[in-house]
Amino acid sequence: LLNPKLDEIPVFVRAGSIIPRQPLVQNTSQKPNGPLELRVYPGPKCLDYIYTDDGNSFGYKRGEYYRSELSCDSSGNSVKVTIAGGEGKYTPWWTSYNVVVVDAPKAPASVMVGGKPVSDFHYDAKGKSVAVTVPFAQNTNEVVIQY
């Protein structure tokens, strides 16, 4: 959005960022409901991490946490998003990810999750984004979008 209207607030995000977003909660003791959204802005040095623990105790010192590396690679007419296998003994609240790749040049020709083609994805032409749901897994998972 190069010329926002006066009643709009632009948000600037560095290319190569992956921003996790959780559903709205009313307080810190409430468990979010729904998938963890990963907004992917392809670009150079596309690497980030997600981390969670119980938020109440020192259990993280005993390995009771969850940490996973997130990365993306855009080359030519494809974008690959990798969610690495997690480390730690804590099970996070989310059971799936909603991976949203921003700045999609056009509708994808194909979307693959874990090496298998999927047809259940959403292309937003106005917002120039592609969204696909990926189940949570302790092992590495990849999303590949071909344009």
N, C-alpha and C. Protein backbone atom coordinates (compact mmCIF):
# COMPACT_ATOMS: atom_id res chain seq x y z
N LEU A 1 0.87 -1.17 0.00
CA LEU A 1 0.00 0.00 0.00
C LEU A 1 0.91 1.22 0.00
N LEU A 2 1.10 1.79 -1.16
CA LEU A 2 2.03 2.90 -1.27
C LEU A 2 1.44 4.23 -0.84
N ASN A 3 0.18 4.44 -1.08
CA ASN A 3 -0.47 5.70 -0.73
C ASN A 3 -1.71 5.43 0.12
N PRO A 4 -1.51 5.22 1.43
CA PRO A 4 -2.68 4.92 2.27
C PRO A 4 -3.59 6.13 2.41
N LYS A 5 -4.87 5.84 2.63
CA LYS A 5 -5.84 6.91 2.87
C LYS A 5 -5.54 7.52 4.23
N LEU A 6 -6.06 8.70 4.46
CA LEU A 6 -5.81 9.39 5.73
C LEU A 6 -6.36 8.64 6.94
N ASP A 7 -7.39 7.82 6.75
CA ASP A 7 -7.96 7.08 7.87
C ASP A 7 -7.39 5.68 7.99
N GLU A 8 -6.29 5.37 7.30
CA GLU A 8 -5.63 4.08 7.37
C GLU A 8 -4.24 4.24 7.99
N ILE A 9 -3.84 3.25 8.75
CA ILE A 9 -2.50 3.25 9.35
C ILE A 9 -1.68 2.19 8.65
N PRO A 10 -0.64 2.58 7.93
CA PRO A 10 0.17 1.57 7.25
C PRO A 10 1.04 0.81 8.25
N VAL A 11 1.25 -0.47 7.94
CA VAL A 11 2.13 -1.31 8.74
C VAL A 11 3.26 -1.76 7.82
N PHE A 12 4.48 -1.52 8.23
CA PHE A 12 5.63 -1.88 7.42
C PHE A 12 6.28 -3.13 8.00
N VAL A 13 6.54 -4.12 7.14
CA VAL A 13 7.13 -5.38 7.55
C VAL A 13 8.32 -5.65 6.64
N ARG A 14 9.44 -6.04 7.24
CA ARG A 14 10.65 -6.34 6.47
C ARG A 14 10.45 -7.62 5.68
N ALA A 15 10.84 -7.61 4.41
CA ALA A 15 10.80 -8.84 3.61
C ALA A 15 11.73 -9.86 4.29
N GLY A 16 11.28 -11.08 4.37
CA GLY A 16 12.04 -12.13 5.06
C GLY A 16 11.54 -12.37 6.48
N SER A 17 10.44 -11.73 6.84
CA SER A 17 9.87 -11.90 8.19
C SER A 17 8.80 -12.99 8.21
N ILE A 18 8.74 -13.69 9.32
CA ILE A 18 7.65 -14.64 9.58
C ILE A 18 7.07 -14.24 10.93
N ILE A 19 5.81 -13.81 10.94
CA ILE A 19 5.21 -13.26 12.15
C ILE A 19 4.10 -14.19 12.64
N PRO A 20 4.28 -14.82 13.82
CA PRO A 20 3.21 -15.65 14.38
C PRO A 20 2.13 -14.78 15.01
N ARG A 21 0.87 -15.18 14.84
CA ARG A 21 -0.26 -14.45 15.42
C ARG A 21 -1.24 -15.47 15.99
N GLN A 22 -1.65 -15.25 17.21
CA GLN A 22 -2.62 -16.15 17.85
C GLN A 22 -3.99 -15.50 17.85
N PRO A 23 -5.04 -16.31 17.95
CA PRO A 23 -6.39 -15.76 18.09
C PRO A 23 -6.50 -14.92 19.36
N LEU A 24 -7.44 -14.00 19.34
CA LEU A 24 -7.67 -13.09 20.46
C LEU A 24 -8.06 -13.84 21.73
N VAL A 25 -7.48 -13.45 22.85
CA VAL A 25 -7.87 -13.95 24.16
C VAL A 25 -8.17 -12.75 25.06
N GLN A 26 -8.96 -12.96 26.10
CA GLN A 26 -9.35 -11.87 26.98
C GLN A 26 -8.37 -11.66 28.14
N ASN A 27 -7.61 -12.72 28.48
CA ASN A 27 -6.62 -12.59 29.55
C ASN A 27 -5.56 -13.67 29.37
N THR A 28 -4.50 -13.59 30.13
CA THR A 28 -3.37 -14.51 29.95
C THR A 28 -3.66 -15.93 30.40
N SER A 29 -4.71 -16.14 31.19
CA SER A 29 -5.02 -17.50 31.61
C SER A 29 -5.94 -18.22 30.61
N GLN A 30 -6.47 -17.49 29.64
CA GLN A 30 -7.34 -18.09 28.64
C GLN A 30 -6.51 -18.73 27.54
N LYS A 31 -6.88 -19.94 27.17
CA LYS A 31 -6.19 -20.66 26.09
C LYS A 31 -6.77 -20.22 24.75
N PRO A 32 -5.92 -19.81 23.79
CA PRO A 32 -6.44 -19.42 22.48
C PRO A 32 -7.14 -20.59 21.80
N ASN A 33 -8.10 -20.26 20.95
CA ASN A 33 -8.87 -21.29 20.25
C ASN A 33 -8.66 -21.10 18.76
N GLY A 34 -8.15 -22.13 18.08
CA GLY A 34 -7.93 -22.05 16.64
C GLY A 34 -6.47 -22.26 16.31
N PRO A 35 -6.12 -22.11 15.03
CA PRO A 35 -4.74 -22.34 14.62
C PRO A 35 -3.84 -21.15 14.96
N LEU A 36 -2.54 -21.43 15.01
CA LEU A 36 -1.55 -20.36 15.12
C LEU A 36 -1.29 -19.88 13.70
N GLU A 37 -1.49 -18.60 13.46
CA GLU A 37 -1.25 -18.05 12.12
C GLU A 37 0.23 -17.69 11.96
N LEU A 38 0.81 -18.09 10.84
CA LEU A 38 2.17 -17.71 10.50
C LEU A 38 2.10 -16.85 9.25
N ARG A 39 2.28 -15.54 9.41
CA ARG A 39 2.27 -14.63 8.25
C ARG A 39 3.69 -14.56 7.70
N VAL A 40 3.84 -15.01 6.47
CA VAL A 40 5.15 -15.14 5.84
C VAL A 40 5.30 -14.04 4.79
N TYR A 41 6.37 -13.24 4.94
CA TYR A 41 6.72 -12.19 4.00
C TYR A 41 8.02 -12.60 3.33
N PRO A 42 7.96 -13.32 2.20
CA PRO A 42 9.17 -13.86 1.58
C PRO A 42 10.20 -12.78 1.29
N GLY A 43 11.45 -13.17 1.43
CA GLY A 43 12.56 -12.27 1.17
C GLY A 43 13.85 -12.89 1.65
N PRO A 44 14.93 -12.14 1.56
CA PRO A 44 16.23 -12.67 2.00
C PRO A 44 16.28 -12.88 3.51
N LYS A 45 17.11 -13.83 3.92
CA LYS A 45 17.30 -14.13 5.34
C LYS A 45 15.98 -14.40 6.05
N CYS A 46 15.16 -15.22 5.44
CA CYS A 46 13.84 -15.52 5.97
C CYS A 46 13.95 -16.63 7.01
N LEU A 47 14.15 -16.23 8.25
CA LEU A 47 14.35 -17.18 9.34
C LEU A 47 13.80 -16.59 10.63
N ASP A 48 13.07 -17.40 11.37
CA ASP A 48 12.52 -16.95 12.64
C ASP A 48 12.29 -18.17 13.52
N TYR A 49 11.81 -17.96 14.73
CA TYR A 49 11.55 -19.04 15.68
C TYR A 49 10.23 -18.77 16.38
N ILE A 50 9.56 -19.85 16.77
CA ILE A 50 8.42 -19.71 17.68
C ILE A 50 8.80 -20.43 18.97
N TYR A 51 8.35 -19.86 20.08
CA TYR A 51 8.66 -20.39 21.40
C TYR A 51 7.44 -20.24 22.27
N THR A 52 7.16 -21.26 23.06
CA THR A 52 6.09 -21.15 24.05
C THR A 52 6.41 -22.07 25.22
N ASP A 53 5.88 -21.70 26.37
CA ASP A 53 5.92 -22.56 27.56
C ASP A 53 4.65 -22.27 28.34
N ASP A 54 4.54 -22.79 29.56
CA ASP A 54 3.28 -22.61 30.30
C ASP A 54 3.07 -21.18 30.78
N GLY A 55 4.10 -20.36 30.77
CA GLY A 55 3.96 -18.97 31.15
C GLY A 55 3.80 -18.71 32.63
N ASN A 56 3.81 -19.77 33.45
CA ASN A 56 3.56 -19.60 34.88
C ASN A 56 4.68 -20.11 35.77
N SER A 57 5.43 -21.07 35.31
CA SER A 57 6.39 -21.73 36.19
C SER A 57 7.80 -21.64 35.63
N PHE A 58 8.72 -22.28 36.33
CA PHE A 58 10.10 -22.37 35.87
C PHE A 58 10.34 -23.71 35.16
N GLY A 59 9.27 -24.32 34.67
CA GLY A 59 9.37 -25.59 33.97
C GLY A 59 10.28 -25.55 32.76
N TYR A 60 10.39 -24.36 32.14
CA TYR A 60 11.27 -24.23 30.97
C TYR A 60 12.71 -24.61 31.30
N LYS A 61 13.10 -24.45 32.57
CA LYS A 61 14.46 -24.83 32.97
C LYS A 61 14.66 -26.34 32.93
N ARG A 62 13.55 -27.09 32.98
CA ARG A 62 13.59 -28.55 32.93
C ARG A 62 13.22 -29.06 31.53
N GLY A 63 13.23 -28.17 30.55
CA GLY A 63 12.92 -28.57 29.18
C GLY A 63 11.45 -28.54 28.84
N GLU A 64 10.62 -27.98 29.72
CA GLU A 64 9.19 -27.92 29.47
C GLU A 64 8.86 -26.65 28.67
N TYR A 65 9.25 -26.68 27.42
CA TYR A 65 9.00 -25.59 26.49
C TYR A 65 8.88 -26.20 25.09
N TYR A 66 8.42 -25.39 24.15
CA TYR A 66 8.38 -25.80 22.75
C TYR A 66 9.05 -24.70 21.94
N ARG A 67 9.99 -25.08 21.09
CA ARG A 67 10.70 -24.13 20.24
C ARG A 67 10.87 -24.76 18.87
N SER A 68 10.58 -23.99 17.83
CA SER A 68 10.68 -24.49 16.47
C SER A 68 11.22 -23.40 15.56
N GLU A 69 12.05 -23.80 14.61
CA GLU A 69 12.62 -22.87 13.64
C GLU A 69 11.67 -22.77 12.44
N LEU A 70 11.45 -21.56 11.97
CA LEU A 70 10.63 -21.28 10.81
C LEU A 70 11.52 -20.66 9.74
N SER A 71 11.37 -21.07 8.51
CA SER A 71 12.16 -20.45 7.44
C SER A 71 11.34 -20.46 6.15
N CYS A 72 11.76 -19.61 5.22
CA CYS A 72 11.12 -19.59 3.91
C CYS A 72 12.18 -19.32 2.86
N ASP A 73 11.89 -19.80 1.65
CA ASP A 73 12.80 -19.61 0.53
C ASP A 73 11.95 -19.32 -0.69
N SER A 74 12.19 -18.18 -1.30
CA SER A 74 11.46 -17.85 -2.53
C SER A 74 12.47 -17.82 -3.67
N SER A 75 12.21 -18.64 -4.66
CA SER A 75 13.10 -18.68 -5.81
C SER A 75 12.27 -18.89 -7.06
N GLY A 76 12.48 -18.03 -8.02
CA GLY A 76 11.73 -18.14 -9.27
C GLY A 76 10.25 -17.98 -9.04
N ASN A 77 9.50 -19.03 -9.38
CA ASN A 77 8.04 -18.95 -9.26
C ASN A 77 7.50 -19.81 -8.13
N SER A 78 8.28 -19.96 -7.04
CA SER A 78 7.79 -20.76 -5.91
C SER A 78 8.24 -20.17 -4.58
N VAL A 79 7.49 -20.53 -3.56
CA VAL A 79 7.83 -20.16 -2.17
C VAL A 79 7.73 -21.44 -1.35
N LYS A 80 8.79 -21.72 -0.56
CA LYS A 80 8.78 -22.87 0.33
C LYS A 80 8.87 -22.37 1.76
N VAL A 81 7.94 -22.79 2.60
CA VAL A 81 7.93 -22.45 4.01
C VAL A 81 8.21 -23.73 4.78
N THR A 82 9.22 -23.69 5.66
CA THR A 82 9.59 -24.87 6.44
C THR A 82 9.32 -24.61 7.92
N ILE A 83 8.59 -25.53 8.55
CA ILE A 83 8.35 -25.49 9.99
C ILE A 83 9.13 -26.67 10.54
N ALA A 84 10.26 -26.39 11.18
CA ALA A 84 11.14 -27.45 11.66
C ALA A 84 10.51 -28.20 12.82
N GLY A 85 10.96 -29.42 13.01
CA GLY A 85 10.51 -30.22 14.15
C GLY A 85 10.82 -29.49 15.44
N GLY A 86 9.92 -29.53 16.37
CA GLY A 86 10.09 -28.79 17.62
C GLY A 86 11.01 -29.47 18.60
N GLU A 87 11.53 -28.66 19.51
CA GLU A 87 12.36 -29.19 20.59
C GLU A 87 11.70 -28.82 21.91
N GLY A 88 12.00 -29.60 22.93
CA GLY A 88 11.41 -29.38 24.25
C GLY A 88 10.30 -30.37 24.53
N LYS A 89 9.89 -30.43 25.80
CA LYS A 89 8.89 -31.40 26.25
C LYS A 89 7.48 -30.83 26.38
N TYR A 90 7.29 -29.57 26.03
CA TYR A 90 6.00 -28.91 26.21
C TYR A 90 5.15 -29.06 24.94
N THR A 91 3.88 -29.34 25.09
CA THR A 91 2.96 -29.40 23.95
C THR A 91 2.25 -28.06 23.85
N PRO A 92 2.40 -27.35 22.75
CA PRO A 92 1.76 -26.04 22.61
C PRO A 92 0.24 -26.15 22.49
N TRP A 93 -0.44 -25.03 22.64
CA TRP A 93 -1.90 -25.01 22.61
C TRP A 93 -2.46 -25.23 21.21
N TRP A 94 -1.73 -24.88 20.16
CA TRP A 94 -2.27 -24.98 18.81
C TRP A 94 -2.16 -26.41 18.28
N THR A 95 -3.12 -26.78 17.43
CA THR A 95 -3.12 -28.10 16.81
C THR A 95 -2.89 -28.00 15.30
N SER A 96 -2.84 -26.77 14.80
CA SER A 96 -2.55 -26.56 13.39
C SER A 96 -2.00 -25.15 13.19
N TYR A 97 -1.43 -24.95 12.02
CA TYR A 97 -0.92 -23.63 11.62
C TYR A 97 -1.77 -23.16 10.44
N ASN A 98 -2.03 -21.87 10.39
CA ASN A 98 -2.61 -21.25 9.20
C ASN A 98 -1.47 -20.46 8.56
N VAL A 99 -0.83 -21.03 7.55
CA VAL A 99 0.30 -20.39 6.89
C VAL A 99 -0.25 -19.44 5.83
N VAL A 100 0.07 -18.14 5.97
CA VAL A 100 -0.39 -17.11 5.04
C VAL A 100 0.84 -16.49 4.39
N VAL A 101 1.01 -16.74 3.10
CA VAL A 101 2.13 -16.17 2.36
C VAL A 101 1.65 -14.89 1.69
N VAL A 102 2.28 -13.78 2.07
CA VAL A 102 1.88 -12.45 1.60
C VAL A 102 2.66 -12.09 0.34
N ASP A 103 2.09 -11.23 -0.46
CA ASP A 103 2.69 -10.73 -1.70
C ASP A 103 2.72 -11.81 -2.79
N ALA A 104 1.64 -12.58 -2.86
CA ALA A 104 1.51 -13.60 -3.91
C ALA A 104 1.27 -12.89 -5.24
N PRO A 105 2.08 -13.16 -6.26
CA PRO A 105 1.94 -12.46 -7.53
C PRO A 105 0.67 -12.82 -8.31
N LYS A 106 0.18 -14.06 -8.09
CA LYS A 106 -1.04 -14.52 -8.76
C LYS A 106 -1.53 -15.77 -8.02
N ALA A 107 -2.66 -16.30 -8.49
CA ALA A 107 -3.20 -17.52 -7.89
C ALA A 107 -2.20 -18.66 -8.10
N PRO A 108 -1.99 -19.50 -7.10
CA PRO A 108 -1.02 -20.58 -7.25
C PRO A 108 -1.49 -21.65 -8.24
N ALA A 109 -0.51 -22.21 -8.95
CA ALA A 109 -0.79 -23.34 -9.83
C ALA A 109 -0.93 -24.60 -8.99
N SER A 110 -0.15 -24.68 -7.90
CA SER A 110 -0.25 -25.83 -6.99
C SER A 110 0.24 -25.45 -5.60
N VAL A 111 -0.29 -26.14 -4.61
CA VAL A 111 0.13 -25.99 -3.21
C VAL A 111 0.36 -27.40 -2.67
N MET A 112 1.52 -27.61 -2.05
CA MET A 112 1.83 -28.91 -1.47
C MET A 112 2.14 -28.73 0.01
N VAL A 113 1.65 -29.66 0.83
CA VAL A 113 1.92 -29.68 2.26
C VAL A 113 2.50 -31.06 2.57
N GLY A 114 3.71 -31.06 3.10
CA GLY A 114 4.36 -32.33 3.43
C GLY A 114 4.59 -33.21 2.21
N GLY A 115 4.82 -32.60 1.06
CA GLY A 115 5.08 -33.34 -0.16
C GLY A 115 3.84 -33.83 -0.89
N LYS A 116 2.64 -33.52 -0.36
CA LYS A 116 1.40 -33.98 -0.98
C LYS A 116 0.60 -32.77 -1.46
N PRO A 117 0.05 -32.83 -2.68
CA PRO A 117 -0.75 -31.71 -3.17
C PRO A 117 -2.04 -31.55 -2.37
N VAL A 118 -2.42 -30.31 -2.15
CA VAL A 118 -3.67 -30.00 -1.46
C VAL A 118 -4.49 -29.04 -2.32
N SER A 119 -5.79 -29.17 -2.24
CA SER A 119 -6.67 -28.26 -2.97
C SER A 119 -7.38 -27.30 -2.03
N ASP A 120 -7.25 -27.55 -0.73
CA ASP A 120 -7.93 -26.74 0.28
C ASP A 120 -7.04 -25.58 0.72
N PHE A 121 -6.87 -24.62 -0.19
CA PHE A 121 -6.14 -23.40 0.13
C PHE A 121 -6.97 -22.22 -0.34
N HIS A 122 -6.63 -21.03 0.14
CA HIS A 122 -7.40 -19.84 -0.21
C HIS A 122 -6.46 -18.80 -0.81
N TYR A 123 -6.81 -18.31 -1.99
CA TYR A 123 -6.07 -17.22 -2.62
C TYR A 123 -6.91 -15.96 -2.52
N ASP A 124 -6.33 -14.91 -1.94
CA ASP A 124 -6.99 -13.62 -1.80
C ASP A 124 -6.38 -12.67 -2.83
N ALA A 125 -7.08 -12.43 -3.93
CA ALA A 125 -6.55 -11.60 -5.02
C ALA A 125 -6.37 -10.15 -4.57
N LYS A 126 -7.31 -9.62 -3.79
CA LYS A 126 -7.21 -8.23 -3.34
C LYS A 126 -6.04 -8.06 -2.36
N GLY A 127 -5.90 -8.98 -1.40
CA GLY A 127 -4.83 -8.89 -0.42
C GLY A 127 -3.53 -9.51 -0.88
N LYS A 128 -3.54 -10.11 -2.07
CA LYS A 128 -2.35 -10.77 -2.65
C LYS A 128 -1.72 -11.74 -1.66
N SER A 129 -2.51 -12.72 -1.21
CA SER A 129 -1.99 -13.70 -0.26
C SER A 129 -2.56 -15.08 -0.55
N VAL A 130 -1.83 -16.08 -0.10
CA VAL A 130 -2.26 -17.48 -0.20
C VAL A 130 -2.25 -18.04 1.22
N ALA A 131 -3.34 -18.69 1.63
CA ALA A 131 -3.44 -19.26 2.97
C ALA A 131 -3.72 -20.75 2.86
N VAL A 132 -3.04 -21.54 3.70
CA VAL A 132 -3.25 -22.98 3.75
C VAL A 132 -3.09 -23.44 5.19
N THR A 133 -3.92 -24.40 5.60
CA THR A 133 -3.84 -24.95 6.95
C THR A 133 -2.91 -26.15 6.96
N VAL A 134 -2.02 -26.17 7.94
CA VAL A 134 -1.03 -27.24 8.08
C VAL A 134 -1.21 -27.84 9.47
N PRO A 135 -1.37 -29.16 9.57
CA PRO A 135 -1.51 -29.76 10.91
C PRO A 135 -0.22 -29.65 11.71
N PHE A 136 -0.36 -29.49 13.02
CA PHE A 136 0.80 -29.46 13.90
C PHE A 136 1.45 -30.84 13.89
N ALA A 137 2.78 -30.86 13.85
CA ALA A 137 3.51 -32.13 13.90
C ALA A 137 4.82 -31.89 14.63
N GLN A 138 5.32 -32.90 15.32
CA GLN A 138 6.60 -32.77 16.02
C GLN A 138 7.78 -32.86 15.06
N ASN A 139 7.52 -33.37 13.85
CA ASN A 139 8.60 -33.45 12.87
C ASN A 139 8.47 -32.29 11.86
N THR A 140 9.48 -32.13 11.03
CA THR A 140 9.52 -31.02 10.07
C THR A 140 8.40 -31.15 9.04
N ASN A 141 7.81 -30.01 8.71
CA ASN A 141 6.76 -29.95 7.71
C ASN A 141 7.06 -28.81 6.74
N GLU A 142 6.73 -29.00 5.46
CA GLU A 142 6.98 -27.98 4.46
C GLU A 142 5.72 -27.66 3.67
N VAL A 143 5.61 -26.38 3.32
CA VAL A 143 4.56 -25.90 2.42
C VAL A 143 5.27 -25.36 1.20
N VAL A 144 4.90 -25.84 0.01
CA VAL A 144 5.49 -25.35 -1.23
C VAL A 144 4.37 -24.81 -2.10
N ILE A 145 4.50 -23.53 -2.47
CA ILE A 145 3.52 -22.88 -3.33
C ILE A 145 4.18 -22.60 -4.67
N GLN A 146 3.61 -23.12 -5.75
CA GLN A 146 4.09 -22.89 -7.11
C GLN A 146 3.13 -21.95 -7.82
N TYR A 147 3.68 -20.92 -8.46
CA TYR A 147 2.85 -19.96 -9.21
C TYR A 147 2.94 -20.24 -10.70
